[in-house]
Amino acid sequence: MKKYIWILAVVTCGCTATVEMENDGSQEDLPEPNYTLTSDQTHNKWSKSIEPVLKIESGEVVEISTEEATDGQLTLDSDTSDLMNLSFDPIHPLTGPIYINGAKPGDVIAVTLHKIEIGDWGWTAILPGFGFLADEFTDPYLRTFELTGKNNVRFADGINIPLRPFPGVLGVAPNTDSLLSTIPPRANGGNMDDPNIVEGTTVYLPVFVEGALFSIGDAHAAQGLGEVCGTAVEAPMKFLVEITLLKDKSIEEPQYENDDVYAVTAFATTTDEAAKKATRYMIDYLTTNHGLSRNDAYMLCSLAGDLKIAEVVDVPHMLVTMSINKEVLSK
């Protein structure tokens, strides 16, 4: 088994701190990509009218590079003045869309994140008018980070943030010709900002249009559940993904699983509504896949289901998940 080591330097307030990360992984176990997409093959809206940049067969593997959320407007050397001069027109560059041959509305695509490589820098910020406490934090604030590796960043003396890279946005095209904003999550996935969708996770996305039209971007090197200030450690990344077409699975909104849990997601304009939807989706999953009655499934959700707020800032929608540990579901 090979061991990969990266170096991380945090640059803030004129100080640089270096930390190290080790990642044990077997490069030999990774599938070879059939195709490669670069970070300039992008769009930043959701629509079935956006032409695909690639067509693939079910089960093929794509190496996908993504730009950070400002699409190059910020750099490692940026300061608050650059933050205030941001144009929001190119925000959320998404690499894609990818057309999956044979995908039809009502199908599901399974997107397995085999490998995630963090780029060489990242940033986080407080943007006036954006964030869960926008009325309290009204001044712009920016911190940038040099990301050449490792498993944590020294945020301050005695405070270290583990790096857990994941795609903030991944999804398929909705059934509309309109160009929809990528900011709120929807049934097609999109800006879910769920920090548990990490390397080794398979995400299930419902298909709404022919070919599915999958895209990915807005990658985060680290983020807490909620993303309350409105940003994570936003960074360029490279994803190795396998996309498989499923004709025998039906879902309303994205779901995902890894070695540890099976999870459902639900968006709504309030956390209460999203939490109720997530509970219903988990009940549906348990009755369909584990043979439980609805009463028993509802009871199991209470005994073993974990409701979590994934994000609360991407108005008008927020995202709640429910997961159940696979030790509970083992057969």
Protein backbone atom coordinates (compact mmCIF):
# COMPACT_ATOMS: atom_id res chain seq x y z
CA MET A 1 0.00 0.00 0.00
CA LYS A 2 1.41 3.36 -0.97
CA LYS A 3 1.46 6.30 1.41
CA TYR A 4 0.78 9.79 0.07
CA ILE A 5 2.05 12.81 2.00
CA TRP A 6 1.18 16.43 1.32
CA ILE A 7 2.31 19.65 2.97
CA LEU A 8 -0.07 22.41 4.06
CA ALA A 9 0.94 25.95 4.87
CA VAL A 10 -1.60 28.34 6.32
CA VAL A 11 -1.08 31.99 5.45
CA THR A 12 -2.95 34.48 7.60
CA CYS A 13 -2.10 37.73 9.35
CA GLY A 14 1.38 37.56 7.84
CA CYS A 15 2.15 34.24 9.51
CA THR A 16 2.80 30.88 7.90
CA ALA A 17 2.27 27.57 9.68
CA THR A 18 3.11 24.20 8.18
CA VAL A 19 1.29 20.97 8.96
CA GLU A 20 1.42 17.48 7.53
CA MET A 21 -1.10 14.94 6.38
CA GLU A 22 -0.71 11.27 5.60
CA ASN A 23 -3.16 9.41 3.42
CA ASP A 24 -2.84 5.66 3.17
CA GLY A 25 -4.30 4.51 -0.11
CA SER A 26 -3.60 1.98 -2.80
CA GLN A 27 -3.09 3.66 -6.16
CA GLU A 28 -3.22 0.22 -7.77
CA ASP A 29 -6.84 -0.17 -6.63
CA LEU A 30 -7.99 2.95 -8.47
CA PRO A 31 -9.63 2.52 -11.88
CA GLU A 32 -7.96 4.12 -14.88
CA PRO A 33 -9.91 7.06 -16.32
CA ASN A 34 -11.55 6.60 -19.70
CA TYR A 35 -11.73 10.37 -20.16
CA THR A 36 -10.33 13.59 -18.70
CA LEU A 37 -12.12 16.90 -18.30
CA THR A 38 -10.26 20.12 -17.49
CA SER A 39 -11.32 22.99 -15.24
CA ASP A 40 -12.08 25.24 -18.22
CA GLN A 41 -14.84 22.94 -19.52
CA THR A 42 -17.44 24.57 -17.34
CA HIS A 43 -20.83 26.22 -16.93
CA ASN A 44 -22.51 27.73 -13.88
CA LYS A 45 -26.25 27.24 -14.34
CA TRP A 46 -28.63 24.28 -14.19
CA SER A 47 -30.54 23.64 -17.42
CA LYS A 48 -31.20 20.86 -19.89
CA SER A 49 -30.32 23.37 -22.62
CA ILE A 50 -26.59 23.35 -21.74
CA GLU A 51 -24.72 21.19 -24.23
CA PRO A 52 -22.67 18.30 -22.81
CA VAL A 53 -18.88 18.46 -23.04
CA LEU A 54 -18.59 14.65 -22.95
CA LYS A 55 -20.70 11.56 -23.67
CA ILE A 56 -19.93 8.31 -21.85
CA GLU A 57 -21.24 4.78 -21.40
CA SER A 58 -22.50 3.51 -18.05
CA GLY A 59 -19.62 2.36 -15.86
CA GLU A 60 -16.96 4.54 -17.44
CA VAL A 61 -14.54 6.57 -15.35
CA VAL A 62 -13.79 10.28 -15.75
CA GLU A 63 -11.00 12.35 -14.23
CA ILE A 64 -12.48 15.80 -13.61
CA SER A 65 -10.61 18.97 -12.63
CA THR A 66 -12.58 21.79 -11.03
CA GLU A 67 -11.82 25.45 -10.34
CA GLU A 68 -12.47 27.10 -6.96
CA ALA A 69 -15.80 28.83 -6.44
CA THR A 70 -14.85 32.28 -7.80
CA ASP A 71 -13.52 30.82 -11.06
CA GLY A 72 -10.09 32.37 -10.61
CA GLN A 73 -11.11 35.79 -9.36
CA LEU A 74 -9.37 35.19 -6.03
CA THR A 75 -5.80 33.98 -5.59
CA LEU A 76 -3.58 32.98 -2.70
CA ASP A 77 -2.40 36.61 -2.48
CA SER A 78 -5.88 38.17 -2.51
CA ASP A 79 -7.04 40.51 0.24
CA THR A 80 -10.33 41.97 1.36
CA SER A 81 -10.37 44.55 -1.44
CA ASP A 82 -10.35 41.70 -3.99
CA LEU A 83 -13.24 40.11 -2.13
CA MET A 84 -15.32 43.27 -2.42
CA ASN A 85 -14.61 43.49 -6.16
CA LEU A 86 -15.89 39.97 -6.91
CA SER A 87 -18.26 39.52 -9.80
CA PHE A 88 -20.91 36.95 -8.98
CA ASP A 89 -21.55 36.17 -12.66
CA PRO A 90 -18.96 33.35 -12.86
CA ILE A 91 -19.52 32.00 -9.32
CA HIS A 92 -19.76 28.18 -9.06
CA PRO A 93 -17.99 27.00 -12.22
CA LEU A 94 -19.11 23.40 -12.71
CA THR A 95 -17.14 21.02 -14.88
CA GLY A 96 -19.49 19.29 -17.32
CA PRO A 97 -22.16 18.46 -18.24
CA ILE A 98 -21.50 14.77 -18.90
CA TYR A 99 -24.10 12.89 -20.96
CA ILE A 100 -24.61 9.26 -19.91
CA ASN A 101 -25.82 7.17 -22.83
CA GLY A 102 -29.11 5.43 -22.11
CA ALA A 103 -30.09 7.58 -19.13
CA LYS A 104 -33.78 8.48 -19.17
CA PRO A 105 -36.07 10.41 -16.81
CA GLY A 106 -36.96 8.18 -13.87
CA ASP A 107 -33.58 6.42 -13.88
CA VAL A 108 -30.83 6.95 -11.32
CA ILE A 109 -27.11 7.48 -11.84
CA ALA A 110 -24.59 6.30 -9.25
CA VAL A 111 -21.53 8.54 -8.98
CA THR A 112 -18.66 6.94 -7.08
CA LEU A 113 -15.95 9.29 -5.85
CA HIS A 114 -12.91 7.04 -6.14
CA LYS A 115 -10.28 9.71 -5.52
CA ILE A 116 -10.23 13.38 -4.54
CA GLU A 117 -7.04 15.44 -4.83
CA ILE A 118 -6.90 18.86 -3.20
CA GLY A 119 -5.43 21.70 -5.26
CA ASP A 120 -2.58 23.92 -4.12
CA TRP A 121 -4.54 26.68 -2.39
CA GLY A 122 -7.88 27.66 -0.91
CA TRP A 123 -9.82 30.46 0.74
CA THR A 124 -12.67 31.18 3.11
CA ALA A 125 -14.51 34.44 3.63
CA ILE A 126 -17.32 36.37 5.21
CA LEU A 127 -19.28 38.13 2.47
CA PRO A 128 -21.57 41.00 3.46
CA GLY A 129 -25.21 40.00 3.07
CA PHE A 130 -24.43 36.27 2.94
CA GLY A 131 -24.32 33.69 5.72
CA PHE A 132 -26.53 32.44 8.54
CA LEU A 133 -25.76 35.51 10.71
CA ALA A 134 -25.49 38.02 7.87
CA ASP A 135 -27.19 40.72 9.90
CA GLU A 136 -24.54 40.42 12.63
CA PHE A 137 -21.38 39.99 10.51
CA THR A 138 -21.56 42.88 8.05
CA ASP A 139 -17.87 43.49 7.30
CA PRO A 140 -15.94 41.54 4.65
CA TYR A 141 -13.22 39.19 5.87
CA LEU A 142 -10.92 36.90 3.88
CA ARG A 143 -8.37 34.26 4.75
CA THR A 144 -6.32 32.33 2.19
CA PHE A 145 -4.48 29.04 2.61
CA GLU A 146 -1.67 27.36 0.71
CA LEU A 147 -2.77 23.76 0.28
CA THR A 148 -0.02 21.43 -0.73
CA GLY A 149 -1.33 18.58 1.42
CA LYS A 150 -1.77 17.05 4.86
CA ASN A 151 -4.68 16.19 7.16
CA ASN A 152 -5.19 19.34 9.16
CA VAL A 153 -4.65 23.06 9.07
CA ARG A 154 -3.66 25.10 12.11
CA PHE A 155 -6.44 27.69 12.12
CA ALA A 156 -5.17 29.34 15.31
CA ASP A 157 -3.09 28.37 18.32
CA GLY A 158 -4.60 25.16 19.62
CA ILE A 159 -7.20 24.99 16.84
CA ASN A 160 -6.67 22.51 13.99
CA ILE A 161 -9.17 21.78 11.20
CA PRO A 162 -9.05 18.32 9.58
CA LEU A 163 -9.02 18.39 5.79
CA ARG A 164 -11.90 16.31 4.36
CA PRO A 165 -12.25 17.28 0.70
CA PHE A 166 -15.60 16.89 -1.04
CA PRO A 167 -17.61 18.43 -3.90
CA GLY A 168 -19.89 21.19 -2.65
CA VAL A 169 -21.89 20.90 -5.86
CA LEU A 170 -22.71 17.78 -7.83
CA GLY A 171 -25.89 17.08 -9.69
CA VAL A 172 -27.79 16.54 -12.91
CA ALA A 173 -29.81 18.84 -15.13
CA PRO A 174 -33.38 19.65 -14.10
CA ASN A 175 -36.12 19.38 -16.71
CA THR A 176 -36.14 23.03 -17.75
CA ASP A 177 -34.74 25.22 -20.50
CA SER A 178 -34.39 28.06 -18.01
CA LEU A 179 -30.92 28.81 -16.64
CA LEU A 180 -31.30 28.21 -12.91
CA SER A 181 -28.93 29.51 -10.26
CA THR A 182 -26.57 26.93 -8.76
CA ILE A 183 -26.78 28.50 -5.30
CA PRO A 184 -29.71 26.57 -3.73
CA PRO A 185 -29.82 22.75 -3.60
CA ARG A 186 -32.73 21.09 -5.38
CA ALA A 187 -34.04 17.63 -6.21
CA ASN A 188 -31.34 17.38 -8.90
CA GLY A 189 -28.64 17.69 -6.24
CA GLY A 190 -26.63 20.82 -6.86
CA ASN A 191 -25.21 22.88 -4.02
CA MET A 192 -25.78 20.33 -1.25
CA ASP A 193 -22.61 21.30 0.67
CA ASP A 194 -22.71 18.01 2.58
CA PRO A 195 -19.25 17.41 4.10
CA ASN A 196 -19.94 13.68 4.40
CA ILE A 197 -19.86 13.16 0.63
CA VAL A 198 -16.15 12.40 0.69
CA GLU A 199 -13.77 10.06 -1.11
CA GLY A 200 -15.18 6.53 -1.23
CA THR A 201 -18.80 7.71 -1.29
CA THR A 202 -21.33 6.72 -3.96
CA VAL A 203 -23.96 9.38 -4.61
CA TYR A 204 -27.28 8.42 -6.20
CA LEU A 205 -28.91 11.12 -8.33
CA PRO A 206 -32.39 10.96 -9.87
CA VAL A 207 -32.43 11.56 -13.64
CA PHE A 208 -34.78 14.23 -15.00
CA VAL A 209 -33.64 14.58 -18.63
CA GLU A 210 -32.21 12.34 -21.33
CA GLY A 211 -28.52 11.71 -20.70
CA ALA A 212 -28.77 12.98 -17.09
CA LEU A 213 -26.19 15.75 -17.80
CA PHE A 214 -23.99 15.39 -14.71
CA SER A 215 -21.75 18.21 -13.46
CA ILE A 216 -19.47 18.73 -10.44
CA GLY A 217 -17.63 21.63 -8.80
CA ASP A 218 -17.46 24.11 -5.90
CA ALA A 219 -15.02 21.80 -4.14
CA HIS A 220 -14.34 22.21 -0.43
CA ALA A 221 -11.18 21.16 1.41
CA ALA A 222 -12.89 21.45 4.81
CA GLN A 223 -16.34 22.44 6.06
CA GLY A 224 -18.51 21.95 9.11
CA LEU A 225 -22.12 20.81 8.95
CA GLY A 226 -24.15 23.96 8.28
CA GLU A 227 -21.47 26.04 6.50
CA VAL A 228 -22.84 28.88 8.62
CA CYS A 229 -20.64 31.77 7.46
CA GLY A 230 -21.47 30.90 3.84
CA THR A 231 -18.11 29.53 2.70
CA ALA A 232 -15.93 26.50 3.32
CA VAL A 233 -12.23 26.20 2.50
CA GLU A 234 -12.95 26.75 -1.21
CA ALA A 235 -10.31 25.12 -3.40
CA PRO A 236 -9.59 23.73 -6.85
CA MET A 237 -9.64 19.94 -6.97
CA LYS A 238 -9.42 16.85 -9.10
CA PHE A 239 -12.02 14.06 -8.89
CA LEU A 240 -11.82 10.51 -10.20
CA VAL A 241 -15.45 9.45 -10.62
CA GLU A 242 -17.19 6.38 -11.96
CA ILE A 243 -20.72 6.95 -13.29
CA THR A 244 -23.11 4.00 -13.51
CA LEU A 245 -26.66 4.01 -14.85
CA LEU A 246 -29.24 2.26 -12.64
CA LYS A 247 -32.54 1.23 -14.19
CA ASP A 248 -33.87 -0.56 -11.11
CA LYS A 249 -33.67 2.23 -8.53
CA SER A 250 -36.09 5.11 -8.03
CA ILE A 251 -35.56 8.12 -5.74
CA GLU A 252 -36.95 11.64 -5.49
CA GLU A 253 -33.82 13.41 -4.24
CA PRO A 254 -30.15 12.45 -3.90
CA GLN A 255 -29.04 9.66 -1.59
CA TYR A 256 -25.57 8.33 -0.83
CA GLU A 257 -23.64 5.59 0.89
CA ASN A 258 -20.16 4.58 1.91
CA ASP A 259 -18.70 1.73 3.93
CA ASP A 260 -20.21 3.13 7.13
CA VAL A 261 -23.64 4.60 6.41
CA TYR A 262 -26.57 4.88 4.05
CA ALA A 263 -27.96 8.42 3.88
CA VAL A 264 -30.84 10.29 2.31
CA THR A 265 -30.99 14.04 1.63
CA ALA A 266 -33.86 16.52 1.52
CA PHE A 267 -34.08 20.20 0.64
CA ALA A 268 -36.72 22.69 1.77
CA THR A 269 -37.11 26.33 2.77
CA THR A 270 -37.05 25.43 6.48
CA THR A 271 -35.06 22.87 8.46
CA ASP A 272 -38.30 21.46 9.90
CA GLU A 273 -39.72 20.73 6.45
CA ALA A 274 -36.42 19.32 5.20
CA ALA A 275 -36.09 17.10 8.29
CA LYS A 276 -39.58 15.69 7.81
CA LYS A 277 -38.85 14.96 4.12
CA ALA A 278 -35.56 13.25 5.03
CA THR A 279 -37.36 11.08 7.58
CA ARG A 280 -39.97 10.06 4.99
CA TYR A 281 -37.22 9.26 2.44
CA MET A 282 -35.45 7.03 4.96
CA ILE A 283 -38.73 5.27 5.75
CA ASP A 284 -39.21 4.67 2.02
CA TYR A 285 -35.66 3.31 1.72
CA LEU A 286 -36.08 0.94 4.67
CA THR A 287 -39.43 -0.42 3.49
CA THR A 288 -38.22 -0.91 -0.09
CA ASN A 289 -34.74 -2.27 0.59
CA HIS A 290 -34.98 -3.94 4.00
CA GLY A 291 -38.54 -5.29 4.03
CA LEU A 292 -39.76 -3.31 7.03
CA SER A 293 -43.32 -2.15 7.55
CA ARG A 294 -43.76 1.62 7.62
CA ASN A 295 -44.36 1.49 11.38
CA ASP A 296 -41.14 -0.45 11.97
CA ALA A 297 -39.20 1.77 9.56
CA TYR A 298 -40.43 4.92 11.34
CA MET A 299 -39.46 3.38 14.67
CA LEU A 300 -35.99 2.45 13.37
CA CYS A 301 -35.47 6.03 12.19
CA SER A 302 -36.09 7.13 15.77
CA LEU A 303 -33.80 4.49 17.28
CA ALA A 304 -30.90 4.57 14.81
CA GLY A 305 -31.40 7.40 12.33
CA ASP A 306 -29.17 10.48 12.58
CA LEU A 307 -30.70 13.75 11.34
CA LYS A 308 -28.09 16.35 10.42
CA ILE A 309 -28.17 19.84 8.93
CA ALA A 310 -25.84 19.83 5.92
CA GLU A 311 -26.20 23.52 5.09
CA VAL A 312 -28.40 26.48 6.05
CA VAL A 313 -27.05 29.36 3.94
CA ASP A 314 -27.92 28.63 0.30
CA VAL A 315 -31.21 30.46 0.22
CA PRO A 316 -34.00 29.88 -0.38
CA HIS A 317 -33.25 26.22 0.37
CA MET A 318 -31.40 24.36 3.09
CA LEU A 319 -30.42 20.70 3.22
CA VAL A 320 -30.99 18.07 5.91
CA THR A 321 -29.76 14.48 5.80
CA MET A 322 -30.64 11.32 7.67
CA SER A 323 -28.16 8.46 7.87
CA ILE A 324 -28.21 5.00 9.42
CA ASN A 325 -25.04 3.14 10.27
CA LYS A 326 -24.58 -0.02 8.21
CA GLU A 327 -23.80 -2.00 11.36
CA VAL A 328 -27.51 -1.60 12.13
CA LEU A 329 -28.49 -2.61 8.60
CA SER A 330 -26.10 -5.56 8.29
CA LYS A 331 -27.75 -8.73 7.04
